Amino acid sequence: MFQLTQEHIDMWNRGWSCRNIAQVAGVSRTTVCRAMRRMGFDLCDRPQPIIAKAIDESLSLREEGVSMRKISEDVGYSVRQIQRWLNPGVAG
């Protein structure tokens, strides 16, 4: 039975997908996903530190009065995505 190592868990916490972890571990994606669930990880709520950083930067820039278009250019995501992050719950 495949066992996740601390290295695999660290990869997950840095935002790696099950597919990428599986390639490093030399097993199938399904095997890694099964092991993650067995250890209690929520596969639908994968940590995404890069996106969290982009959201924090977007919020900070918006508080400084920077326009959505300029935030989009600085952060590297579309204006529509920036709007989703900064205006959660607004249908559009």
C-alpha atoms as a PDB file:
ATOM      1  CA  MET A   1       0.000   0.000   0.000  1.00  0.00           C
ATOM      2  CA  PHE A   2       1.349   3.421  -0.984  1.00  0.00           C
ATOM      3  CA  GLN A   3       2.157   5.764   1.900  1.00  0.00           C
ATOM      4  CA  LEU A   4       2.582   9.498   1.548  1.00  0.00           C
ATOM      5  CA  THR A   5       5.864  10.868   2.845  1.00  0.00           C
ATOM      6  CA  GLN A   6       6.382  14.218   4.527  1.00  0.00           C
ATOM      7  CA  GLU A   7       7.869  15.408   1.228  1.00  0.00           C
ATOM      8  CA  HIS A   8       4.600  14.596  -0.566  1.00  0.00           C
ATOM      9  CA  ILE A   9       2.588  16.405   2.097  1.00  0.00           C
ATOM     10  CA  ASP A  10       4.887  19.425   1.823  1.00  0.00           C
ATOM     11  CA  MET A  11       4.367  19.425  -1.954  1.00  0.00           C
ATOM     12  CA  TRP A  12       0.600  19.419  -1.396  1.00  0.00           C
ATOM     13  CA  ASN A  13       0.860  22.316   1.044  1.00  0.00           C
ATOM     14  CA  ARG A  14       2.886  24.286  -1.526  1.00  0.00           C
ATOM     15  CA  GLY A  15       0.036  23.848  -4.026  1.00  0.00           C
ATOM     16  CA  TRP A  16       1.161  20.786  -6.026  1.00  0.00           C
ATOM     17  CA  SER A  17      -1.596  18.701  -7.609  1.00  0.00           C
ATOM     18  CA  CYS A  18      -2.091  14.972  -7.031  1.00  0.00           C
ATOM     19  CA  ARG A  19      -1.001  14.439 -10.630  1.00  0.00           C
ATOM     20  CA  ASN A  20       2.334  16.193 -10.102  1.00  0.00           C
ATOM     21  CA  ILE A  21       2.952  14.433  -6.793  1.00  0.00           C
ATOM     22  CA  ALA A  22       2.173  11.107  -8.500  1.00  0.00           C
ATOM     23  CA  GLN A  23       4.792  11.781 -11.173  1.00  0.00           C
ATOM     24  CA  VAL A  24       7.434  12.397  -8.517  1.00  0.00           C
ATOM     25  CA  ALA A  25       6.328   9.366  -6.456  1.00  0.00           C
ATOM     26  CA  GLY A  26       6.158   7.065  -9.481  1.00  0.00           C
ATOM     27  CA  VAL A  27       2.545   5.996  -8.894  1.00  0.00           C
ATOM     28  CA  SER A  28      -0.795   6.840 -10.472  1.00  0.00           C
ATOM     29  CA  ARG A  29      -2.740  10.002  -9.698  1.00  0.00           C
ATOM     30  CA  THR A  30      -5.573   7.873  -8.313  1.00  0.00           C
ATOM     31  CA  THR A  31      -3.194   6.222  -5.840  1.00  0.00           C
ATOM     32  CA  VAL A  32      -2.024   9.602  -4.534  1.00  0.00           C
ATOM     33  CA  CYS A  33      -5.586  10.949  -4.310  1.00  0.00           C
ATOM     34  CA  ARG A  34      -6.694   7.854  -2.402  1.00  0.00           C
ATOM     35  CA  ALA A  35      -3.771   8.214   0.024  1.00  0.00           C
ATOM     36  CA  MET A  36      -4.543  11.914   0.513  1.00  0.00           C
ATOM     37  CA  ARG A  37      -8.184  11.184   1.333  1.00  0.00           C
ATOM     38  CA  ARG A  38      -7.125   8.368   3.669  1.00  0.00           C
ATOM     39  CA  MET A  39      -4.981  10.888   5.582  1.00  0.00           C
ATOM     40  CA  GLY A  40      -7.910  13.330   5.820  1.00  0.00           C
ATOM     41  CA  PHE A  41      -6.938  15.896   3.184  1.00  0.00           C
ATOM     42  CA  ASP A  42      -9.776  17.713   1.425  1.00  0.00           C
ATOM     43  CA  LEU A  43      -8.997  17.355  -2.282  1.00  0.00           C
ATOM     44  CA  CYS A  44     -11.522  20.032  -3.237  1.00  0.00           C
ATOM     45  CA  ASP A  45      -9.777  22.626  -1.086  1.00  0.00           C
ATOM     46  CA  ARG A  46      -6.168  22.292  -2.219  1.00  0.00           C
ATOM     47  CA  PRO A  47      -3.815  24.936  -0.826  1.00  0.00           C
ATOM     48  CA  GLN A  48      -2.893  27.467  -3.498  1.00  0.00           C
ATOM     49  CA  PRO A  49      -0.261  29.765  -2.020  1.00  0.00           C
ATOM     50  CA  ILE A  50       0.472  31.497  -5.338  1.00  0.00           C
ATOM     51  CA  ILE A  51      -3.176  32.470  -5.759  1.00  0.00           C
ATOM     52  CA  ALA A  52      -3.484  33.489  -2.107  1.00  0.00           C
ATOM     53  CA  LYS A  53      -0.478  35.777  -2.603  1.00  0.00           C
ATOM     54  CA  ALA A  54      -2.045  37.283  -5.753  1.00  0.00           C
ATOM     55  CA  ILE A  55      -5.321  37.890  -3.902  1.00  0.00           C
ATOM     56  CA  ASP A  56      -3.514  39.563  -0.990  1.00  0.00           C
ATOM     57  CA  GLU A  57      -1.548  41.750  -3.398  1.00  0.00           C
ATOM     58  CA  SER A  58      -4.753  42.647  -5.265  1.00  0.00           C
ATOM     59  CA  LEU A  59      -6.509  43.615  -2.025  1.00  0.00           C
ATOM     60  CA  SER A  60      -3.560  45.733  -0.955  1.00  0.00           C
ATOM     61  CA  LEU A  61      -3.379  47.538  -4.293  1.00  0.00           C
ATOM     62  CA  ARG A  62      -7.135  48.144  -4.289  1.00  0.00           C
ATOM     63  CA  GLU A  63      -6.936  49.670  -0.796  1.00  0.00           C
ATOM     64  CA  GLU A  64      -4.324  52.051  -2.211  1.00  0.00           C
ATOM     65  CA  GLY A  65      -6.843  53.118  -4.855  1.00  0.00           C
ATOM     66  CA  VAL A  66      -5.282  51.343  -7.839  1.00  0.00           C
ATOM     67  CA  SER A  67      -7.678  50.591 -10.714  1.00  0.00           C
ATOM     68  CA  MET A  68      -8.781  47.040 -11.530  1.00  0.00           C
ATOM     69  CA  ARG A  69      -7.040  47.217 -14.908  1.00  0.00           C
ATOM     70  CA  LYS A  70      -3.724  48.272 -13.329  1.00  0.00           C
ATOM     71  CA  ILE A  71      -4.062  45.581 -10.639  1.00  0.00           C
ATOM     72  CA  SER A  72      -4.652  43.055 -13.414  1.00  0.00           C
ATOM     73  CA  GLU A  73      -1.477  44.136 -15.188  1.00  0.00           C
ATOM     74  CA  ASP A  74       0.593  44.096 -11.981  1.00  0.00           C
ATOM     75  CA  VAL A  75      -0.666  40.780 -10.621  1.00  0.00           C
ATOM     76  CA  GLY A  76      -0.882  38.945 -13.938  1.00  0.00           C
ATOM     77  CA  TYR A  77      -4.513  37.793 -13.870  1.00  0.00           C
ATOM     78  CA  SER A  78      -7.457  39.009 -15.934  1.00  0.00           C
ATOM     79  CA  VAL A  79      -9.577  41.964 -14.848  1.00  0.00           C
ATOM     80  CA  ARG A  80     -12.520  39.577 -14.561  1.00  0.00           C
ATOM     81  CA  GLN A  81     -10.599  37.309 -12.161  1.00  0.00           C
ATOM     82  CA  ILE A  82      -9.476  40.287 -10.079  1.00  0.00           C
ATOM     83  CA  GLN A  83     -13.108  41.413  -9.868  1.00  0.00           C
ATOM     84  CA  ARG A  84     -14.132  37.926  -8.667  1.00  0.00           C
ATOM     85  CA  TRP A  85     -11.505  38.026  -5.921  1.00  0.00           C
ATOM     86  CA  LEU A  86     -12.239  41.574  -4.807  1.00  0.00           C
ATOM     87  CA  ASN A  87     -16.034  41.371  -5.082  1.00  0.00           C
ATOM     88  CA  PRO A  88     -16.951  37.873  -3.888  1.00  0.00           C
ATOM     89  CA  GLY A  89     -20.642  37.103  -3.983  1.00  0.00           C
ATOM     90  CA  VAL A  90     -21.380  39.530  -6.807  1.00  0.00           C
ATOM     91  CA  ALA A  91     -22.911  37.576  -9.675  1.00  0.00           C
ATOM     92  CA  GLY A  92     -21.603  38.502 -13.038  1.00  0.00           C
END
